[in-house]
């Protein structure tokens, strides 16, 4: 690491003081900390495309928490999903999204409706449920990754987390976020070399580095709302038993059942071979990939540092 960068991040007291200022500013912007309202807590999963949104989506189809809402919730979630796209990600995608302010109001009302539906049907009034907003088994595509969809200006297609929390504040519902991650080289192999989401590896790395800068900024600004860090498709993250326990507990499984389910859904992630790494880091890719790997580590480390902060 560069010496000046090491000095920048080495003073814990200075960093803590800056974070306290950020926390104070964030509280003014998004209201008091969550868990003050009756009803479920809505969770938004943040992560680069290729980080495991589809896995989370598949898991949520079997989530006891999701089942407690019943399939009646999917109609509401699908509408909410479209409104989040319209107000935060692609405001010009459809004619009905021409007025983002109106779409924001619609999404806020849908959050209230889902909360009220839950309240009417839950058996235990003291039960605390965590319900995924964007990966809940109700739709197969468009899971609001960073970026989202294969359209022009992909670098602008991500959720404005500030707007998300403002929406939650307006709806008077509890909201949190969780971060999902995967080895950066494997992300490029998956999205660009296999599925051709990007024209080439260089453009992919530069785009994902930018998206990580956005994610890092959002995690810093809203660190007190961090619910978890999960790398179920990452060779290192997949081995973190504590993350499995946390995820299972949040979404209604006992650990044994969740472990069986994730073993059913996921082939144990493996590390890339030397040849595969060389293919992704050689020549003009080297410096760009090094930056991408560095910021990936920074974001993952920061997520774990601020967990339960």
Protein backbone atom coordinates (compact mmCIF):
# COMPACT_ATOMS: atom_id res chain seq x y z
CA UNK A 1 0.00 0.00 0.00
CA UNK A 2 1.12 3.58 -0.60
CA UNK A 3 2.60 5.19 2.55
CA UNK A 4 0.29 8.20 2.40
CA UNK A 5 -2.74 5.92 2.23
CA UNK A 6 -1.53 3.94 5.22
CA UNK A 7 -1.23 7.14 7.22
CA UNK A 8 -4.67 8.24 6.14
CA UNK A 9 -6.38 5.21 7.66
CA UNK A 10 -4.09 4.43 10.58
CA UNK A 11 -5.49 6.80 13.22
CA UNK A 12 -8.47 5.10 14.79
CA UNK A 13 -9.46 8.09 16.92
CA UNK A 14 -9.61 10.40 13.93
CA UNK A 15 -11.60 7.85 11.97
CA UNK A 16 -14.04 7.35 14.84
CA UNK A 17 -14.56 11.10 15.19
CA UNK A 18 -15.27 11.44 11.48
CA UNK A 19 -17.67 8.50 11.66
CA UNK A 20 -19.55 10.08 14.55
CA UNK A 21 -20.07 13.18 12.43
CA UNK A 22 -21.32 11.00 9.57
CA UNK A 23 -23.70 9.13 11.88
CA UNK A 24 -25.14 12.40 13.17
CA UNK A 25 -25.67 13.71 9.66
CA UNK A 26 -27.24 10.44 8.55
CA UNK A 27 -29.67 10.47 11.48
CA UNK A 28 -30.86 13.89 10.39
CA UNK A 29 -31.36 12.66 6.84
CA UNK A 30 -33.08 9.32 7.38
CA UNK A 31 -34.61 9.64 10.82
CA UNK A 32 -34.00 7.66 13.98
CA UNK A 33 -32.42 4.19 13.93
CA UNK A 34 -34.70 1.38 12.80
CA UNK A 35 -36.58 -1.18 14.92
CA UNK A 36 -38.84 1.46 16.37
CA UNK A 37 -41.92 0.58 14.33
CA UNK A 38 -44.28 -2.37 14.55
CA UNK A 39 -44.12 -4.89 11.73
CA UNK A 40 -41.36 -6.59 9.75
CA UNK A 41 -37.94 -5.17 8.94
CA UNK A 42 -37.36 -4.77 5.20
CA UNK A 43 -33.86 -5.71 4.05
CA UNK A 44 -32.15 -4.49 0.90
CA UNK A 45 -29.25 -6.63 -0.38
CA UNK A 46 -26.40 -4.52 -1.76
CA UNK A 47 -23.81 -6.09 -4.04
CA UNK A 48 -22.17 -6.11 -7.44
CA UNK A 49 -23.86 -8.11 -10.16
CA UNK A 50 -22.48 -11.63 -10.04
CA UNK A 51 -22.18 -11.56 -6.23
CA UNK A 52 -25.04 -13.95 -5.48
CA UNK A 53 -28.33 -12.08 -5.80
CA UNK A 54 -29.90 -15.05 -7.58
CA UNK A 55 -28.75 -17.39 -4.83
CA UNK A 56 -30.30 -15.13 -2.16
CA UNK A 57 -33.46 -15.01 -4.27
CA UNK A 58 -33.59 -18.82 -4.44
CA UNK A 59 -32.98 -19.14 -0.71
CA UNK A 60 -35.77 -16.70 0.08
CA UNK A 61 -38.29 -18.85 -1.74
CA UNK A 62 -37.74 -21.34 1.07
CA UNK A 63 -37.40 -18.80 3.89
CA UNK A 64 -39.72 -19.41 6.86
CA UNK A 65 -39.95 -15.63 7.29
CA UNK A 66 -41.08 -15.15 3.70
CA UNK A 67 -43.54 -18.03 3.96
CA UNK A 68 -45.10 -16.42 7.03
CA UNK A 69 -46.16 -13.55 4.79
CA UNK A 70 -47.66 -15.97 2.31
CA UNK A 71 -47.74 -15.72 -1.47
CA UNK A 72 -50.12 -12.78 -1.12
CA UNK A 73 -47.03 -10.67 -0.46
CA UNK A 74 -45.55 -11.22 -3.93
CA UNK A 75 -48.05 -8.97 -5.70
CA UNK A 76 -47.06 -6.16 -3.40
CA UNK A 77 -43.35 -6.88 -3.76
CA UNK A 78 -43.53 -6.96 -7.54
CA UNK A 79 -45.20 -3.57 -7.60
CA UNK A 80 -42.71 -2.22 -5.09
CA UNK A 81 -39.84 -3.59 -7.17
CA UNK A 82 -41.08 -1.72 -10.24
CA UNK A 83 -41.50 1.48 -8.25
CA UNK A 84 -37.99 1.26 -6.82
CA UNK A 85 -36.70 0.80 -10.36
CA UNK A 86 -38.75 3.76 -11.51
CA UNK A 87 -37.82 6.15 -8.74
CA UNK A 88 -34.19 5.21 -8.11
CA UNK A 89 -32.65 3.22 -10.94
CA UNK A 90 -34.28 3.80 -14.34
CA UNK A 91 -36.73 6.72 -14.07
CA UNK A 92 -37.16 6.94 -17.86
CA UNK A 93 -37.55 3.22 -18.53
CA UNK A 94 -41.36 3.26 -18.74
CA UNK A 95 -43.93 6.02 -19.34
CA UNK A 96 -45.46 5.46 -15.90
CA UNK A 97 -42.04 6.24 -14.39
CA UNK A 98 -41.90 9.69 -15.98
CA UNK A 99 -42.58 11.34 -12.62
CA UNK A 100 -40.14 9.84 -10.07
CA UNK A 101 -41.80 11.76 -7.23
CA UNK A 102 -45.14 10.06 -7.90
CA UNK A 103 -43.43 6.68 -8.16
CA UNK A 104 -41.68 7.36 -4.84
CA UNK A 105 -45.08 7.96 -3.22
CA UNK A 106 -46.44 4.74 -4.75
CA UNK A 107 -43.50 2.75 -3.39
CA UNK A 108 -43.93 4.29 0.05
CA UNK A 109 -47.60 3.31 0.06
CA UNK A 110 -46.73 -0.26 -0.98
CA UNK A 111 -44.30 -0.57 1.92
CA UNK A 112 -47.12 0.45 4.28
CA UNK A 113 -49.48 -2.02 2.62
CA UNK A 114 -47.05 -4.95 3.01
CA UNK A 115 -46.44 -3.97 6.63
CA UNK A 116 -50.18 -3.81 7.35
CA UNK A 117 -50.82 -7.13 5.57
CA UNK A 118 -48.17 -8.74 7.73
CA UNK A 119 -49.66 -7.27 10.90
CA UNK A 120 -53.07 -8.73 10.11
CA UNK A 121 -51.83 -12.27 9.53
CA UNK A 122 -49.00 -12.85 12.00
CA UNK A 123 -49.73 -15.24 14.86
CA UNK A 124 -47.25 -13.81 17.35
CA UNK A 125 -47.48 -10.01 17.79
CA UNK A 126 -43.94 -9.96 19.22
CA UNK A 127 -42.42 -11.93 16.35
CA UNK A 128 -39.63 -10.07 14.59
CA UNK A 129 -39.34 -10.85 10.89
CA UNK A 130 -36.77 -9.72 8.35
CA UNK A 131 -38.10 -9.62 4.79
CA UNK A 132 -35.93 -9.10 1.70
CA UNK A 133 -36.94 -6.24 -0.56
CA UNK A 134 -35.08 -7.15 -3.75
CA UNK A 135 -34.28 -10.88 -3.42
CA UNK A 136 -37.47 -12.44 -2.11
CA UNK A 137 -38.30 -15.15 -4.63
CA UNK A 138 -41.05 -13.08 -6.23
CA UNK A 139 -39.20 -12.31 -9.48
CA UNK A 140 -36.43 -13.99 -11.45
CA UNK A 141 -34.57 -11.02 -12.93
CA UNK A 142 -33.79 -7.42 -12.15
CA UNK A 143 -32.72 -8.06 -8.55
CA UNK A 144 -31.35 -4.52 -8.17
CA UNK A 145 -27.67 -5.38 -8.24
CA UNK A 146 -24.95 -2.79 -8.86
CA UNK A 147 -25.37 -2.13 -11.74
CA UNK A 148 -28.84 -3.35 -12.69
CA UNK A 149 -29.88 -4.44 -16.20
CA UNK A 150 -28.05 -4.43 -19.53
CA UNK A 151 -29.02 -0.99 -20.79
CA UNK A 152 -27.17 2.18 -21.80
CA UNK A 153 -25.48 4.14 -19.01
CA UNK A 154 -25.02 1.07 -16.83
CA UNK A 155 -22.85 3.10 -14.50
CA UNK A 156 -25.98 5.02 -13.43
CA UNK A 157 -28.18 1.97 -12.82
CA UNK A 158 -27.96 1.37 -9.10
CA UNK A 159 -30.23 2.01 -6.14
CA UNK A 160 -29.96 5.34 -4.35
CA UNK A 161 -29.76 4.02 -0.80
CA UNK A 162 -30.49 7.46 0.60
CA UNK A 163 -33.83 7.47 -1.24
CA UNK A 164 -34.53 3.94 -0.03
CA UNK A 165 -34.14 4.92 3.61
CA UNK A 166 -36.10 8.13 3.08
CA UNK A 167 -38.88 5.98 1.63
CA UNK A 168 -38.77 3.78 4.72
CA UNK A 169 -38.91 6.84 6.95
CA UNK A 170 -41.94 8.20 5.10
CA UNK A 171 -43.70 4.82 5.31
CA UNK A 172 -42.80 4.47 9.00
CA UNK A 173 -41.38 0.99 8.51
CA UNK A 174 -38.15 -0.62 9.70
CA UNK A 175 -35.45 -1.02 7.04
CA UNK A 176 -31.89 -2.30 6.98
CA UNK A 177 -29.37 -3.40 4.36
CA UNK A 178 -26.98 -6.32 3.98
CA UNK A 179 -23.91 -6.62 1.76
CA UNK A 180 -23.15 -9.64 -0.43
CA UNK A 181 -19.79 -10.21 -2.06
CA UNK A 182 -17.69 -12.51 -4.20
CA UNK A 183 -14.06 -12.73 -5.30
CA UNK A 184 -13.61 -9.87 -7.82
CA UNK A 185 -11.84 -12.00 -10.42
CA UNK A 186 -14.64 -14.54 -10.29
CA UNK A 187 -17.19 -11.77 -10.78
CA UNK A 188 -15.48 -10.73 -14.02
CA UNK A 189 -15.28 -14.34 -15.21
CA UNK A 190 -18.97 -14.86 -14.46
CA UNK A 191 -20.43 -11.64 -15.82
CA UNK A 192 -18.09 -10.82 -18.68
CA UNK A 193 -16.32 -13.94 -19.92
CA UNK A 194 -19.29 -16.29 -19.48
CA UNK A 195 -22.42 -14.14 -19.71
CA UNK A 196 -21.06 -11.21 -21.72
CA UNK A 197 -22.66 -8.45 -19.65
CA UNK A 198 -19.76 -6.15 -20.59
CA UNK A 199 -17.95 -5.61 -23.90
CA UNK A 200 -14.59 -6.68 -22.47
CA UNK A 201 -12.73 -7.36 -19.23
CA UNK A 202 -11.21 -3.89 -18.98
CA UNK A 203 -14.58 -2.14 -19.17
CA UNK A 204 -15.98 -4.60 -16.64
CA UNK A 205 -13.20 -3.93 -14.12
CA UNK A 206 -13.51 -0.16 -14.46
CA UNK A 207 -17.31 -0.30 -14.11
CA UNK A 208 -17.20 -2.56 -11.05
CA UNK A 209 -14.51 -0.42 -9.42
CA UNK A 210 -16.82 2.55 -9.80
CA UNK A 211 -19.75 0.58 -8.39
CA UNK A 212 -17.63 -0.43 -5.39
CA UNK A 213 -16.81 3.23 -4.77
CA UNK A 214 -20.55 3.91 -4.69
CA UNK A 215 -21.20 0.93 -2.40
CA UNK A 216 -18.41 1.95 -0.03
CA UNK A 217 -19.83 5.47 0.21
CA UNK A 218 -23.29 4.07 0.96
CA UNK A 219 -21.98 1.67 3.59
CA UNK A 220 -20.13 4.51 5.30
CA UNK A 221 -23.12 6.84 5.26
CA UNK A 222 -25.56 4.22 6.55
CA UNK A 223 -23.26 2.06 8.63
CA UNK A 224 -25.67 1.85 11.61
CA UNK A 225 -28.19 0.07 9.37
CA UNK A 226 -25.79 -2.73 8.39
CA UNK A 227 -27.43 -6.10 9.06
CA UNK A 228 -24.84 -8.50 7.69
CA UNK A 229 -22.04 -9.35 5.28
CA UNK A 230 -22.50 -12.55 3.26
CA UNK A 231 -20.16 -14.18 0.76
CA UNK A 232 -21.92 -17.46 0.08
CA UNK A 233 -20.44 -17.71 -3.45
CA UNK A 234 -17.00 -16.48 -2.39
CA UNK A 235 -14.29 -19.10 -1.65
CA UNK A 236 -13.42 -17.41 1.66
CA UNK A 237 -16.82 -16.04 2.63
CA UNK A 238 -18.51 -19.39 2.09
CA UNK A 239 -16.47 -20.82 4.96
CA UNK A 240 -17.63 -18.25 7.54
CA UNK A 241 -19.89 -20.25 9.86
CA UNK A 242 -20.87 -17.13 11.80
CA UNK A 243 -22.35 -15.60 8.63
CA UNK A 244 -24.42 -18.72 8.02
CA UNK A 245 -25.70 -18.60 11.58
CA UNK A 246 -26.57 -14.93 11.25
CA UNK A 247 -28.39 -15.38 7.95
CA UNK A 248 -30.32 -18.42 9.19
CA UNK A 249 -31.37 -16.63 12.36
CA UNK A 250 -32.50 -13.49 10.53
CA UNK A 251 -34.68 -15.26 8.00
CA UNK A 252 -36.24 -17.96 10.16
CA UNK A 253 -34.20 -21.13 9.72
CA UNK A 254 -32.49 -23.24 12.30
CA UNK A 255 -28.84 -23.67 11.38
CA UNK A 256 -29.11 -27.34 10.44
CA UNK A 257 -31.94 -26.79 7.94
CA UNK A 258 -30.26 -23.74 6.46
CA UNK A 259 -26.94 -25.55 6.06
CA UNK A 260 -28.68 -28.38 4.24
CA UNK A 261 -30.46 -25.92 1.96
CA UNK A 262 -27.39 -23.89 1.04
CA UNK A 263 -25.40 -27.05 0.39
CA UNK A 264 -28.21 -28.08 -1.96
CA UNK A 265 -28.16 -24.73 -3.79
CA UNK A 266 -24.44 -24.00 -3.97
CA UNK A 267 -21.47 -25.97 -5.21
CA UNK A 268 -18.65 -25.18 -2.78
CA UNK A 269 -16.86 -22.17 -4.33
CA UNK A 270 -13.29 -22.94 -5.37
CA UNK A 271 -10.29 -20.68 -5.92
CA UNK A 272 -9.24 -19.83 -9.46
CA UNK A 273 -6.30 -21.67 -11.00
CA UNK A 274 -3.02 -19.89 -11.72
CA UNK A 275 -3.87 -19.88 -15.44
CA UNK A 276 -7.29 -18.33 -14.83
CA UNK A 277 -5.77 -15.62 -12.63
CA UNK A 278 -3.10 -14.88 -15.23
CA UNK A 279 -5.79 -14.47 -17.88
CA UNK A 280 -7.50 -11.81 -15.75
CA UNK A 281 -4.43 -9.94 -14.50
CA UNK A 282 -2.03 -9.88 -17.42
CA UNK A 283 -0.97 -6.90 -19.52
CA UNK A 284 -3.03 -3.73 -19.40
CA UNK A 285 -5.51 -5.35 -17.01
CA UNK A 286 -2.97 -5.59 -14.19
CA UNK A 287 -3.18 -2.12 -12.64
CA UNK A 288 -6.95 -1.87 -13.10
CA UNK A 289 -7.49 -5.30 -11.58
CA UNK A 290 -5.18 -4.47 -8.67
CA UNK A 291 -7.30 -1.39 -7.91
CA UNK A 292 -10.50 -3.45 -8.18
CA UNK A 293 -9.13 -6.09 -5.79
CA UNK A 294 -7.94 -3.44 -3.34
CA UNK A 295 -11.29 -1.68 -3.13
CA UNK A 296 -13.08 -5.02 -2.90
CA UNK A 297 -11.04 -5.83 0.20
CA UNK A 298 -11.68 -2.38 1.65
CA UNK A 299 -15.43 -2.70 1.20
CA UNK A 300 -15.61 -6.23 2.62
CA UNK A 301 -13.42 -5.30 5.60
CA UNK A 302 -15.48 -2.18 6.28
CA UNK A 303 -18.71 -4.16 6.24
CA UNK A 304 -17.43 -6.56 8.89
CA UNK A 305 -15.90 -3.75 10.94
CA UNK A 306 -19.22 -1.94 11.19
CA UNK A 307 -21.38 -4.99 11.78
CA UNK A 308 -23.40 -4.45 14.96
CA UNK A 309 -21.65 -1.08 15.41
